[in-house]
Amino acid sequence: MVLACVLLTGCGPLSETHRNPGNSHQVATGAPSGRANAEITIAGGRVSPPPGWLEVGKGRPVTITVTSDAADEVHVHGYDLTAELRPGVPATLRFTADLTGVFEVETHGSKLVLTQLAVR
């Protein structure tokens, strides 16, 4: 059912009812009222740390830095933010979390899920 919901929502936010806390790994967090930062590495097609949740309060700053061993593009769904990934060069997305919901952060070429951004 979750897969069907993800397929139907495409690039839009997922509602809270589609979260699966039993299968979550916290990538990084700031208090919901504070700043959220995540540093993610992609090597050999594997994401480190493993995909999880990045939680932040609405209106707060978010910084996501991704370093990959292969060329690709990182995309924050719902916010429609992208950054080019060049091998070995960190790419950083900085923005204000002004939309509430859960938003997937993924790579476009390799279709790797990097984290879920939960804005409350």
PDB file of N, CA and C in Angstrom:
ATOM      1  N   MET A   1       0.807  -1.185   0.000  1.00  0.00           N
ATOM      2  CA  MET A   1       0.000   0.000   0.000  1.00  0.00           C
ATOM      3  C   MET A   1       0.854   1.256   0.000  1.00  0.00           C
ATOM      4  N   VAL A   2       1.970   1.244   0.759  1.00  0.00           N
ATOM      5  CA  VAL A   2       2.832   2.415   0.790  1.00  0.00           C
ATOM      6  C   VAL A   2       3.407   2.664  -0.593  1.00  0.00           C
ATOM      7  N   LEU A   3       3.828   1.602  -1.294  1.00  0.00           N
ATOM      8  CA  LEU A   3       4.376   1.751  -2.632  1.00  0.00           C
ATOM      9  C   LEU A   3       3.352   2.394  -3.552  1.00  0.00           C
ATOM     10  N   ALA A   4       2.103   1.972  -3.473  1.00  0.00           N
ATOM     11  CA  ALA A   4       1.055   2.556  -4.304  1.00  0.00           C
ATOM     12  C   ALA A   4       0.879   4.037  -3.973  1.00  0.00           C
ATOM     13  N   CYS A   5       0.948   4.397  -2.709  1.00  0.00           N
ATOM     14  CA  CYS A   5       0.812   5.801  -2.316  1.00  0.00           C
ATOM     15  C   CYS A   5       1.972   6.619  -2.857  1.00  0.00           C
ATOM     16  N   VAL A   6       3.195   6.071  -2.786  1.00  0.00           N
ATOM     17  CA  VAL A   6       4.359   6.780  -3.297  1.00  0.00           C
ATOM     18  C   VAL A   6       4.238   6.965  -4.802  1.00  0.00           C
ATOM     19  N   LEU A   7       3.824   5.922  -5.511  1.00  0.00           N
ATOM     20  CA  LEU A   7       3.675   6.019  -6.954  1.00  0.00           C
ATOM     21  C   LEU A   7       2.610   7.026  -7.340  1.00  0.00           C
ATOM     22  N   LEU A   8       1.542   7.102  -6.583  1.00  0.00           N
ATOM     23  CA  LEU A   8       0.467   8.025  -6.899  1.00  0.00           C
ATOM     24  C   LEU A   8       0.818   9.468  -6.571  1.00  0.00           C
ATOM     25  N   THR A   9       1.660   9.683  -5.569  1.00  0.00           N
ATOM     26  CA  THR A   9       1.967  11.049  -5.185  1.00  0.00           C
ATOM     27  C   THR A   9       3.111  11.636  -5.989  1.00  0.00           C
ATOM     28  N   GLY A  10       3.929  10.808  -6.614  1.00  0.00           N
ATOM     29  CA  GLY A  10       5.018  11.322  -7.438  1.00  0.00           C
ATOM     30  C   GLY A  10       5.928  12.226  -6.656  1.00  0.00           C
ATOM     31  N   CYS A  11       6.066  13.471  -7.100  1.00  0.00           N
ATOM     32  CA  CYS A  11       6.991  14.405  -6.475  1.00  0.00           C
ATOM     33  C   CYS A  11       6.358  15.194  -5.345  1.00  0.00           C
ATOM     34  N   GLY A  12       5.121  14.956  -5.016  1.00  0.00           N
ATOM     35  CA  GLY A  12       4.450  15.719  -3.966  1.00  0.00           C
ATOM     36  C   GLY A  12       4.763  15.176  -2.596  1.00  0.00           C
ATOM     37  N   PRO A  13       4.318  15.874  -1.572  1.00  0.00           N
ATOM     38  CA  PRO A  13       4.572  15.422  -0.211  1.00  0.00           C
ATOM     39  C   PRO A  13       3.726  14.209   0.137  1.00  0.00           C
ATOM     40  N   LEU A  14       4.236  13.406   1.041  1.00  0.00           N
ATOM     41  CA  LEU A  14       3.487  12.277   1.567  1.00  0.00           C
ATOM     42  C   LEU A  14       2.833  12.733   2.855  1.00  0.00           C
ATOM     43  N   SER A  15       1.651  12.259   3.119  1.00  0.00           N
ATOM     44  CA  SER A  15       1.002  12.647   4.375  1.00  0.00           C
ATOM     45  C   SER A  15       1.586  11.839   5.517  1.00  0.00           C
ATOM     46  N   GLU A  16       1.359  12.292   6.730  1.00  0.00           N
ATOM     47  CA  GLU A  16       1.866  11.607   7.913  1.00  0.00           C
ATOM     48  C   GLU A  16       1.428  10.155   7.975  1.00  0.00           C
ATOM     49  N   THR A  17       0.279   9.813   7.423  1.00  0.00           N
ATOM     50  CA  THR A  17      -0.220   8.456   7.532  1.00  0.00           C
ATOM     51  C   THR A  17       0.617   7.475   6.733  1.00  0.00           C
ATOM     52  N   HIS A  18       1.487   7.941   5.856  1.00  0.00           N
ATOM     53  CA  HIS A  18       2.298   7.038   5.047  1.00  0.00           C
ATOM     54  C   HIS A  18       3.667   6.780   5.650  1.00  0.00           C
ATOM     55  N   ARG A  19       3.945   7.322   6.831  1.00  0.00           N
ATOM     56  CA  ARG A  19       5.220   7.073   7.490  1.00  0.00           C
ATOM     57  C   ARG A  19       5.236   5.674   8.056  1.00  0.00           C
ATOM     58  N   ASN A  20       6.411   5.090   8.096  1.00  0.00           N
ATOM     59  CA  ASN A  20       6.595   3.776   8.676  1.00  0.00           C
ATOM     60  C   ASN A  20       7.700   3.869   9.717  1.00  0.00           C
ATOM     61  N   PRO A  21       7.397   4.348  10.923  1.00  0.00           N
ATOM     62  CA  PRO A  21       8.429   4.555  11.929  1.00  0.00           C
ATOM     63  C   PRO A  21       9.188   3.290  12.291  1.00  0.00           C
ATOM     64  N   GLY A  22       8.592   2.129  12.112  1.00  0.00           N
ATOM     65  CA  GLY A  22       9.274   0.887  12.439  1.00  0.00           C
ATOM     66  C   GLY A  22      10.429   0.597  11.512  1.00  0.00           C
ATOM     67  N   ASN A  23      10.519   1.284  10.370  1.00  0.00           N
ATOM     68  CA  ASN A  23      11.569   1.036   9.405  1.00  0.00           C
ATOM     69  C   ASN A  23      12.384   2.307   9.187  1.00  0.00           C
ATOM     70  N   SER A  24      12.548   3.116  10.223  1.00  0.00           N
ATOM     71  CA  SER A  24      13.242   4.378  10.039  1.00  0.00           C
ATOM     72  C   SER A  24      14.612   4.346  10.688  1.00  0.00           C
ATOM     73  N   HIS A  25      15.506   5.080  10.094  1.00  0.00           N
ATOM     74  CA  HIS A  25      16.838   5.298  10.648  1.00  0.00           C
ATOM     75  C   HIS A  25      17.058   6.790  10.589  1.00  0.00           C
ATOM     76  N   GLN A  26      17.331   7.400  11.695  1.00  0.00           N
ATOM     77  CA  GLN A  26      17.474   8.848  11.732  1.00  0.00           C
ATOM     78  C   GLN A  26      18.781   9.255  11.083  1.00  0.00           C
ATOM     79  N   VAL A  27      18.726   9.954   9.956  1.00  0.00           N
ATOM     80  CA  VAL A  27      19.928  10.435   9.295  1.00  0.00           C
ATOM     81  C   VAL A  27      20.522  11.589  10.084  1.00  0.00           C
ATOM     82  N   ALA A  28      19.719  12.584  10.363  1.00  0.00           N
ATOM     83  CA  ALA A  28      20.160  13.750  11.124  1.00  0.00           C
ATOM     84  C   ALA A  28      18.912  14.464  11.585  1.00  0.00           C
ATOM     85  N   THR A  29      19.045  15.223  12.604  1.00  0.00           N
ATOM     86  CA  THR A  29      17.881  15.973  13.046  1.00  0.00           C
ATOM     87  C   THR A  29      18.317  17.217  13.780  1.00  0.00           C
ATOM     88  N   GLY A  30      17.486  18.206  13.689  1.00  0.00           N
ATOM     89  CA  GLY A  30      17.590  19.348  14.570  1.00  0.00           C
ATOM     90  C   GLY A  30      16.279  19.313  15.317  1.00  0.00           C
ATOM     91  N   ALA A  31      16.197  19.955  16.443  1.00  0.00           N
ATOM     92  CA  ALA A  31      14.897  20.021  17.098  1.00  0.00           C
ATOM     93  C   ALA A  31      13.932  20.604  16.088  1.00  0.00           C
ATOM     94  N   PRO A  32      12.662  20.186  16.079  1.00  0.00           N
ATOM     95  CA  PRO A  32      11.731  20.716  15.089  1.00  0.00           C
ATOM     96  C   PRO A  32      11.731  22.235  15.019  1.00  0.00           C
ATOM     97  N   SER A  33      12.139  22.917  16.066  1.00  0.00           N
ATOM     98  CA  SER A  33      12.182  24.369  16.010  1.00  0.00           C
ATOM     99  C   SER A  33      13.552  24.878  15.573  1.00  0.00           C
ATOM    100  N   GLY A  34      14.547  23.962  15.414  1.00  0.00           N
ATOM    101  CA  GLY A  34      15.908  24.372  15.069  1.00  0.00           C
ATOM    102  C   GLY A  34      16.284  24.068  13.635  1.00  0.00           C
ATOM    103  N   ARG A  35      17.558  24.151  13.374  1.00  0.00           N
ATOM    104  CA  ARG A  35      18.136  23.912  12.054  1.00  0.00           C
ATOM    105  C   ARG A  35      18.284  22.406  11.814  1.00  0.00           C
ATOM    106  N   ALA A  36      18.137  21.978  10.556  1.00  0.00           N
ATOM    107  CA  ALA A  36      18.342  20.574  10.196  1.00  0.00           C
ATOM    108  C   ALA A  36      19.514  20.476   9.232  1.00  0.00           C
ATOM    109  N   ASN A  37      20.439  19.583   9.535  1.00  0.00           N
ATOM    110  CA  ASN A  37      21.616  19.371   8.694  1.00  0.00           C
ATOM    111  C   ASN A  37      21.777  17.887   8.422  1.00  0.00           C
ATOM    112  N   ALA A  38      22.151  17.555   7.185  1.00  0.00           N
ATOM    113  CA  ALA A  38      22.439  16.170   6.847  1.00  0.00           C
ATOM    114  C   ALA A  38      23.656  16.136   5.943  1.00  0.00           C
ATOM    115  N   GLU A  39      24.559  15.213   6.217  1.00  0.00           N
ATOM    116  CA  GLU A  39      25.699  14.954   5.345  1.00  0.00           C
ATOM    117  C   GLU A  39      25.574  13.517   4.888  1.00  0.00           C
ATOM    118  N   ILE A  40      25.453  13.341   3.572  1.00  0.00           N
ATOM    119  CA  ILE A  40      25.183  12.032   2.993  1.00  0.00           C
ATOM    120  C   ILE A  40      26.261  11.720   1.967  1.00  0.00           C
ATOM    121  N   THR A  41      26.716  10.466   1.972  1.00  0.00           N
ATOM    122  CA  THR A  41      27.722  10.016   1.017  1.00  0.00           C
ATOM    123  C   THR A  41      27.145   8.860   0.205  1.00  0.00           C
ATOM    124  N   ILE A  42      27.438   8.882  -1.097  1.00  0.00           N
ATOM    125  CA  ILE A  42      27.052   7.781  -1.985  1.00  0.00           C
ATOM    126  C   ILE A  42      28.339   7.193  -2.544  1.00  0.00           C
ATOM    127  N   ALA A  43      28.547   5.894  -2.313  1.00  0.00           N
ATOM    128  CA  ALA A  43      29.736   5.209  -2.817  1.00  0.00           C
ATOM    129  C   ALA A  43      29.349   3.812  -3.272  1.00  0.00           C
ATOM    130  N   GLY A  44      29.687   3.483  -4.502  1.00  0.00           N
ATOM    131  CA  GLY A  44      29.371   2.156  -5.023  1.00  0.00           C
ATOM    132  C   GLY A  44      27.881   1.871  -5.047  1.00  0.00           C
ATOM    133  N   GLY A  45      27.072   2.892  -5.213  1.00  0.00           N
ATOM    134  CA  GLY A  45      25.621   2.716  -5.258  1.00  0.00           C
ATOM    135  C   GLY A  45      24.972   2.553  -3.893  1.00  0.00           C
ATOM    136  N   ARG A  46      25.732   2.785  -2.831  1.00  0.00           N
ATOM    137  CA  ARG A  46      25.200   2.658  -1.473  1.00  0.00           C
ATOM    138  C   ARG A  46      25.186   4.013  -0.782  1.00  0.00           C
ATOM    139  N   VAL A  47      24.130   4.253  -0.018  1.00  0.00           N
ATOM    140  CA  VAL A  47      23.931   5.523   0.687  1.00  0.00           C
ATOM    141  C   VAL A  47      24.376   5.368   2.131  1.00  0.00           C
ATOM    142  N   SER A  48      25.171   6.347   2.603  1.00  0.00           N
ATOM    143  CA  SER A  48      25.642   6.331   3.981  1.00  0.00           C
ATOM    144  C   SER A  48      25.482   7.724   4.583  1.00  0.00           C
ATOM    145  N   PRO A  49      24.872   7.835   5.763  1.00  0.00           N
ATOM    146  CA  PRO A  49      24.214   6.766   6.502  1.00  0.00           C
ATOM    147  C   PRO A  49      22.991   6.265   5.736  1.00  0.00           C
ATOM    148  N   PRO A  50      22.475   5.090   6.113  1.00  0.00           N
ATOM    149  CA  PRO A  50      21.298   4.543   5.428  1.00  0.00           C
ATOM    150  C   PRO A  50      20.136   5.532   5.450  1.00  0.00           C
ATOM    151  N   PRO A  51      19.310   5.514   4.411  1.00  0.00           N
ATOM    152  CA  PRO A  51      18.181   6.448   4.336  1.00  0.00           C
ATOM    153  C   PRO A  51      17.310   6.406   5.587  1.00  0.00           C
ATOM    154  N   GLY A  52      16.867   7.575   6.019  1.00  0.00           N
ATOM    155  CA  GLY A  52      16.032   7.692   7.207  1.00  0.00           C
ATOM    156  C   GLY A  52      15.237   8.977   7.168  1.00  0.00           C
ATOM    157  N   TRP A  53      15.138   9.644   8.330  1.00  0.00           N
ATOM    158  CA  TRP A  53      14.316  10.844   8.466  1.00  0.00           C
ATOM    159  C   TRP A  53      15.171  12.031   8.878  1.00  0.00           C
ATOM    160  N   LEU A  54      14.880  13.167   8.282  1.00  0.00           N
ATOM    161  CA  LEU A  54      15.474  14.436   8.656  1.00  0.00           C
ATOM    162  C   LEU A  54      14.303  15.324   9.049  1.00  0.00           C
ATOM    163  N   GLU A  55      14.186  15.648  10.338  1.00  0.00           N
ATOM    164  CA  GLU A  55      13.027  16.394  10.824  1.00  0.00           C
ATOM    165  C   GLU A  55      13.395  17.843  11.121  1.00  0.00           C
ATOM    166  N   VAL A  56      12.464  18.753  10.783  1.00  0.00           N
ATOM    167  CA  VAL A  56      12.683  20.173  11.006  1.00  0.00           C
ATOM    168  C   VAL A  56      11.335  20.871  11.153  1.00  0.00           C
ATOM    169  N   GLY A  57      11.307  21.948  11.898  1.00  0.00           N
ATOM    170  CA  GLY A  57      10.089  22.745  12.040  1.00  0.00           C
ATOM    171  C   GLY A  57       9.905  23.671  10.844  1.00  0.00           C
ATOM    172  N   LYS A  58       8.671  23.957  10.520  1.00  0.00           N
ATOM    173  CA  LYS A  58       8.358  24.859   9.413  1.00  0.00           C
ATOM    174  C   LYS A  58       9.022  26.212   9.647  1.00  0.00           C
ATOM    175  N   GLY A  59       9.598  26.758   8.580  1.00  0.00           N
ATOM    176  CA  GLY A  59      10.251  28.052   8.649  1.00  0.00           C
ATOM    177  C   GLY A  59      11.711  27.998   9.054  1.00  0.00           C
ATOM    178  N   ARG A  60      12.216  26.812   9.354  1.00  0.00           N
ATOM    179  CA  ARG A  60      13.588  26.658   9.819  1.00  0.00           C
ATOM    180  C   ARG A  60      14.525  26.334   8.656  1.00  0.00           C
ATOM    181  N   PRO A  61      15.822  26.628   8.799  1.00  0.00           N
ATOM    182  CA  PRO A  61      16.788  26.354   7.732  1.00  0.00           C
ATOM    183  C   PRO A  61      17.152  24.877   7.632  1.00  0.00           C
ATOM    184  N   VAL A  62      17.392  24.442   6.399  1.00  0.00           N
ATOM    185  CA  VAL A  62      17.788  23.063   6.111  1.00  0.00           C
ATOM    186  C   VAL A  62      19.053  23.109   5.256  1.00  0.00           C
ATOM    187  N   THR A  63      20.012  22.261   5.591  1.00  0.00           N
ATOM    188  CA  THR A  63      21.221  22.112   4.788  1.00  0.00           C
ATOM    189  C   THR A  63      21.434  20.626   4.543  1.00  0.00           C
ATOM    190  N   ILE A  64      21.480  20.248   3.272  1.00  0.00           N
ATOM    191  CA  ILE A  64      21.734  18.855   2.894  1.00  0.00           C
ATOM    192  C   ILE A  64      22.955  18.855   1.990  1.00  0.00           C
ATOM    193  N   THR A  65      24.006  18.156   2.427  1.00  0.00           N
ATOM    194  CA  THR A  65      25.233  18.052   1.645  1.00  0.00           C
ATOM    195  C   THR A  65      25.402  16.599   1.212  1.00  0.00           C
ATOM    196  N   VAL A  66      25.594  16.415  -0.095  1.00  0.00           N
ATOM    197  CA  VAL A  66      25.736  15.070  -0.656  1.00  0.00           C
ATOM    198  C   VAL A  66      27.055  14.996  -1.411  1.00  0.00           C
ATOM    199  N   THR A  67      27.821  13.952  -1.119  1.00  0.00           N
ATOM    200  CA  THR A  67      29.051  13.671  -1.852  1.00  0.00           C
ATOM    201  C   THR A  67      28.889  12.297  -2.492  1.00  0.00           C
ATOM    202  N   SER A  68      29.105  12.233  -3.799  1.00  0.00           N
ATOM    203  CA  SER A  68      28.907  10.985  -4.541  1.00  0.00           C
ATOM    204  C   SER A  68      30.177  10.617  -5.297  1.00  0.00           C
ATOM    205  N   ASP A  69      30.353   9.319  -5.531  1.00  0.00           N
ATOM    206  CA  ASP A  69      31.488   8.866  -6.326  1.00  0.00           C
ATOM    207  C   ASP A  69      31.147   8.794  -7.816  1.00  0.00           C
ATOM    208  N   ALA A  70      29.916   9.182  -8.173  1.00  0.00           N
ATOM    209  CA  ALA A  70      29.475   9.150  -9.571  1.00  0.00           C
ATOM    210  C   ALA A  70      28.668  10.409  -9.885  1.00  0.00           C
ATOM    211  N   ALA A  71      28.699  10.826 -11.123  1.00  0.00           N
ATOM    212  CA  ALA A  71      27.906  11.976 -11.557  1.00  0.00           C
ATOM    213  C   ALA A  71      26.419  11.637 -11.471  1.00  0.00           C
ATOM    214  N   ASP A  72      25.618  12.577 -11.016  1.00  0.00           N
ATOM    215  CA  ASP A  72      24.172  12.375 -10.882  1.00  0.00           C
ATOM    216  C   ASP A  72      23.561  13.735 -10.555  1.00  0.00           C
ATOM    217  N   GLU A  73      22.338  13.723 -10.064  1.00  0.00           N
ATOM    218  CA  GLU A  73      21.658  14.932  -9.630  1.00  0.00           C
ATOM    219  C   GLU A  73      20.852  14.586  -8.390  1.00  0.00           C
ATOM    220  N   VAL A  74      20.925  15.430  -7.365  1.00  0.00           N
ATOM    221  CA  VAL A  74      20.133  15.241  -6.158  1.00  0.00           C
ATOM    222  C   VAL A  74      18.911  16.156  -6.259  1.00  0.00           C
ATOM    223  N   HIS A  75      17.760  15.663  -5.794  1.00  0.00           N
ATOM    224  CA  HIS A  75      16.503  16.397  -5.926  1.00  0.00           C
ATOM    225  C   HIS A  75      15.717  16.299  -4.623  1.00  0.00           C
ATOM    226  N   VAL A  76      15.218  17.454  -4.148  1.00  0.00           N
ATOM    227  CA  VAL A  76      14.327  17.495  -2.993  1.00  0.00           C
ATOM    228  C   VAL A  76      12.916  17.644  -3.546  1.00  0.00           C
ATOM    229  N   HIS A  77      12.152  16.564  -3.506  1.00  0.00           N
ATOM    230  CA  HIS A  77      10.789  16.572  -4.030  1.00  0.00           C
ATOM    231  C   HIS A  77       9.919  17.544  -3.246  1.00  0.00           C
ATOM    232  N   GLY A  78       8.936  18.101  -3.911  1.00  0.00           N
ATOM    233  CA  GLY A  78       8.026  19.048  -3.279  1.00  0.00           C
ATOM    234  C   GLY A  78       8.587  20.458  -3.274  1.00  0.00           C
ATOM    235  N   TYR A  79       9.871  20.584  -2.994  1.00  0.00           N
ATOM    236  CA  TYR A  79      10.537  21.881  -3.035  1.00  0.00           C
ATOM    237  C   TYR A  79      11.123  22.142  -4.426  1.00  0.00           C
ATOM    238  N   ASP A  80      11.214  21.086  -5.230  1.00  0.00           N
ATOM    239  CA  ASP A  80      11.771  21.152  -6.585  1.00  0.00           C
ATOM    240  C   ASP A  80      13.150  21.807  -6.616  1.00  0.00           C
ATOM    241  N   LEU A  81      13.975  21.413  -5.665  1.00  0.00           N
ATOM    242  CA  LEU A  81      15.355  21.874  -5.617  1.00  0.00           C
ATOM    243  C   LEU A  81      16.265  20.774  -6.130  1.00  0.00           C
ATOM    244  N   THR A  82      17.251  21.145  -6.938  1.00  0.00           N
ATOM    245  CA  THR A  82      18.191  20.171  -7.462  1.00  0.00           C
ATOM    246  C   THR A  82      19.611  20.700  -7.338  1.00  0.00           C
ATOM    247  N   ALA A  83      20.544  19.771  -7.348  1.00  0.00           N
ATOM    248  CA  ALA A  83      21.960  20.123  -7.380  1.00  0.00           C
ATOM    249  C   ALA A  83      22.684  19.045  -8.171  1.00  0.00           C
ATOM    250  N   GLU A  84      23.624  19.477  -8.970  1.00  0.00           N
ATOM    251  CA  GLU A  84      24.439  18.547  -9.750  1.00  0.00           C
ATOM    252  C   GLU A  84      25.427  17.855  -8.827  1.00  0.00           C
ATOM    253  N   LEU A  85      25.552  16.542  -9.002  1.00  0.00           N
ATOM    254  CA  LEU A  85      26.553  15.780  -8.259  1.00  0.00           C
ATOM    255  C   LEU A  85      27.701  15.456  -9.203  1.00  0.00           C
ATOM    256  N   ARG A  86      28.903  15.902  -8.828  1.00  0.00           N
ATOM    257  CA  ARG A  86      30.116  15.564  -9.574  1.00  0.00           C
ATOM    258  C   ARG A  86      30.951  14.666  -8.678  1.00  0.00           C
ATOM    259  N   PRO A  87      31.577  13.649  -9.248  1.00  0.00           N
ATOM    260  CA  PRO A  87      32.333  12.693  -8.438  1.00  0.00           C
ATOM    261  C   PRO A  87      33.325  13.364  -7.487  1.00  0.00           C
ATOM    262  N   GLY A  88      33.167  13.052  -6.188  1.00  0.00           N
ATOM    263  CA  GLY A  88      34.077  13.529  -5.166  1.00  0.00           C
ATOM    264  C   GLY A  88      33.901  14.972  -4.730  1.00  0.00           C
ATOM    265  N   VAL A  89      32.941  15.695  -5.335  1.00  0.00           N
ATOM    266  CA  VAL A  89      32.738  17.107  -5.006  1.00  0.00           C
ATOM    267  C   VAL A  89      31.433  17.256  -4.224  1.00  0.00           C
ATOM    268  N   PRO A  90      31.486  17.710  -2.970  1.00  0.00           N
ATOM    269  CA  PRO A  90      30.246  17.875  -2.198  1.00  0.00           C
ATOM    270  C   PRO A  90      29.302  18.888  -2.858  1.00  0.00           C
ATOM    271  N   ALA A  91      28.015  18.543  -2.914  1.00  0.00           N
ATOM    272  CA  ALA A  91      26.965  19.442  -3.400  1.00  0.00           C
ATOM    273  C   ALA A  91      26.067  19.758  -2.217  1.00  0.00           C
ATOM    274  N   THR A  92      25.806  21.037  -1.991  1.00  0.00           N
ATOM    275  CA  THR A  92      25.012  21.446  -0.829  1.00  0.00           C
ATOM    276  C   THR A  92      23.761  22.184  -1.266  1.00  0.00           C
ATOM    277  N   LEU A  93      22.625  21.753  -0.709  1.00  0.00           N
ATOM    278  CA  LEU A  93      21.345  22.428  -0.894  1.00  0.00           C
ATOM    279  C   LEU A  93      21.005  23.118   0.413  1.00  0.00           C
ATOM    280  N   ARG A  94      20.768  24.424   0.365  1.00  0.00           N
ATOM    281  CA  ARG A  94      20.358  25.199   1.548  1.00  0.00           C
ATOM    282  C   ARG A  94      19.040  25.862   1.222  1.00  0.00           C
ATOM    283  N   PHE A  95      18.070  25.711   2.120  1.00  0.00           N
ATOM    284  CA  PHE A  95      16.762  26.314   1.890  1.00  0.00           C
ATOM    285  C   PHE A  95      16.012  26.417   3.205  1.00  0.00           C
ATOM    286  N   THR A  96      14.910  27.161   3.169  1.00  0.00           N
ATOM    287  CA  THR A  96      14.032  27.293   4.322  1.00  0.00           C
ATOM    288  C   THR A  96      12.878  26.316   4.156  1.00  0.00           C
ATOM    289  N   ALA A  97      12.593  25.554   5.189  1.00  0.00           N
ATOM    290  CA  ALA A  97      11.518  24.559   5.166  1.00  0.00           C
ATOM    291  C   ALA A  97      10.175  25.272   5.312  1.00  0.00           C
ATOM    292  N   ASP A  98       9.649  25.780   4.199  1.00  0.00           N
ATOM    293  CA  ASP A  98       8.410  26.554   4.268  1.00  0.00           C
ATOM    294  C   ASP A  98       7.167  25.771   3.847  1.00  0.00           C
ATOM    295  N   LEU A  99       7.326  24.507   3.482  1.00  0.00           N
ATOM    296  CA  LEU A  99       6.198  23.623   3.159  1.00  0.00           C
ATOM    297  C   LEU A  99       6.150  22.508   4.191  1.00  0.00           C
ATOM    298  N   THR A 100       4.966  22.188   4.720  1.00  0.00           N
ATOM    299  CA  THR A 100       4.869  21.083   5.676  1.00  0.00           C
ATOM    300  C   THR A 100       4.545  19.791   4.953  1.00  0.00           C
ATOM    301  N   GLY A 101       4.975  18.687   5.535  1.00  0.00           N
ATOM    302  CA  GLY A 101       4.734  17.363   4.974  1.00  0.00           C
ATOM    303  C   GLY A 101       6.009  16.546   5.013  1.00  0.00           C
ATOM    304  N   VAL A 102       6.007  15.455   4.282  1.00  0.00           N
ATOM    305  CA  VAL A 102       7.174  14.585   4.173  1.00  0.00           C
ATOM    306  C   VAL A 102       7.599  14.583   2.715  1.00  0.00           C
ATOM    307  N   PHE A 103       8.874  14.875   2.471  1.00  0.00           N
ATOM    308  CA  PHE A 103       9.396  15.039   1.125  1.00  0.00           C
ATOM    309  C   PHE A 103      10.609  14.138   0.921  1.00  0.00           C
ATOM    310  N   GLU A 104      10.628  13.412  -0.172  1.00  0.00           N
ATOM    311  CA  GLU A 104      11.732  12.512  -0.488  1.00  0.00           C
ATOM    312  C   GLU A 104      12.893  13.295  -1.078  1.00  0.00           C
ATOM    313  N   VAL A 105      14.095  12.929  -0.645  1.00  0.00           N
ATOM    314  CA  VAL A 105      15.324  13.461  -1.232  1.00  0.00           C
ATOM    315  C   VAL A 105      15.982  12.280  -1.915  1.00  0.00           C
ATOM    316  N   GLU A 106      16.216  12.387  -3.227  1.00  0.00           N
ATOM    317  CA  GLU A 106      16.742  11.253  -3.982  1.00  0.00           C
ATOM    318  C   GLU A 106      17.682  11.720  -5.081  1.00  0.00           C
ATOM    319  N   THR A 107      18.353  10.747  -5.695  1.00  0.00           N
ATOM    320  CA  THR A 107      19.142  11.032  -6.886  1.00  0.00           C
ATOM    321  C   THR A 107      18.287  10.705  -8.098  1.00  0.00           C
ATOM    322  N   HIS A 108      18.461  11.470  -9.154  1.00  0.00           N
ATOM    323  CA  HIS A 108      17.643  11.248 -10.343  1.00  0.00           C
ATOM    324  C   HIS A 108      18.159  10.117 -11.214  1.00  0.00           C
ATOM    325  N   GLY A 109      19.450  10.093 -11.503  1.00  0.00           N
ATOM    326  CA  GLY A 109      20.003   9.073 -12.390  1.00  0.00           C
ATOM    327  C   GLY A 109      19.942   7.680 -11.801  1.00  0.00           C
ATOM    328  N   SER A 110      20.431   7.526 -10.578  1.00  0.00           N
ATOM    329  CA  SER A 110      20.495   6.203  -9.946  1.00  0.00           C
ATOM    330  C   SER A 110      19.259   5.860  -9.133  1.00  0.00           C
ATOM    331  N   LYS A 111      18.334   6.820  -8.970  1.00  0.00           N
ATOM    332  CA  LYS A 111      17.076   6.601  -8.238  1.00  0.00           C
ATOM    333  C   LYS A 111      17.301   6.115  -6.807  1.00  0.00           C
ATOM    334  N   LEU A 112      18.328   6.636  -6.148  1.00  0.00           N
ATOM    335  CA  LEU A 112      18.588   6.277  -4.760  1.00  0.00           C
ATOM    336  C   LEU A 112      17.858   7.228  -3.825  1.00  0.00           C
ATOM    337  N   VAL A 113      17.133   6.700  -2.863  1.00  0.00           N
ATOM    338  CA  VAL A 113      16.524   7.526  -1.824  1.00  0.00           C
ATOM    339  C   VAL A 113      17.617   7.842  -0.811  1.00  0.00           C
ATOM    340  N   LEU A 114      17.804   9.149  -0.536  1.00  0.00           N
ATOM    341  CA  LEU A 114      18.840   9.572   0.398  1.00  0.00           C
ATOM    342  C   LEU A 114      18.292   9.804   1.792  1.00  0.00           C
ATOM    343  N   THR A 115      17.105  10.387   1.884  1.00  0.00           N
ATOM    344  CA  THR A 115      16.437  10.631   3.163  1.00  0.00           C
ATOM    345  C   THR A 115      15.007  11.073   2.897  1.00  0.00           C
ATOM    346  N   GLN A 116      14.225  11.150   3.948  1.00  0.00           N
ATOM    347  CA  GLN A 116      12.883  11.740   3.912  1.00  0.00           C
ATOM    348  C   GLN A 116      12.943  12.986   4.780  1.00  0.00           C
ATOM    349  N   LEU A 117      12.551  14.127   4.224  1.00  0.00           N
ATOM    350  CA  LEU A 117      12.524  15.370   4.960  1.00  0.00           C
ATOM    351  C   LEU A 117      11.124  15.554   5.541  1.00  0.00           C
ATOM    352  N   ALA A 118      11.012  15.573   6.861  1.00  0.00           N
ATOM    353  CA  ALA A 118       9.717  15.755   7.537  1.00  0.00           C
ATOM    354  C   ALA A 118       9.675  17.163   8.105  1.00  0.00           C
ATOM    355  N   VAL A 119       8.763  17.986   7.568  1.00  0.00           N
ATOM    356  CA  VAL A 119       8.632  19.370   8.008  1.00  0.00           C
ATOM    357  C   VAL A 119       7.319  19.498   8.755  1.00  0.00           C
ATOM    358  N   ARG A 120       7.390  19.961  10.007  1.00  0.00           N
ATOM    359  CA  ARG A 120       6.196  20.076  10.867  1.00  0.00           C
ATOM    360  C   ARG A 120       5.959  21.521  11.255  1.00  0.00           C
TER     361      ARG A 120
END
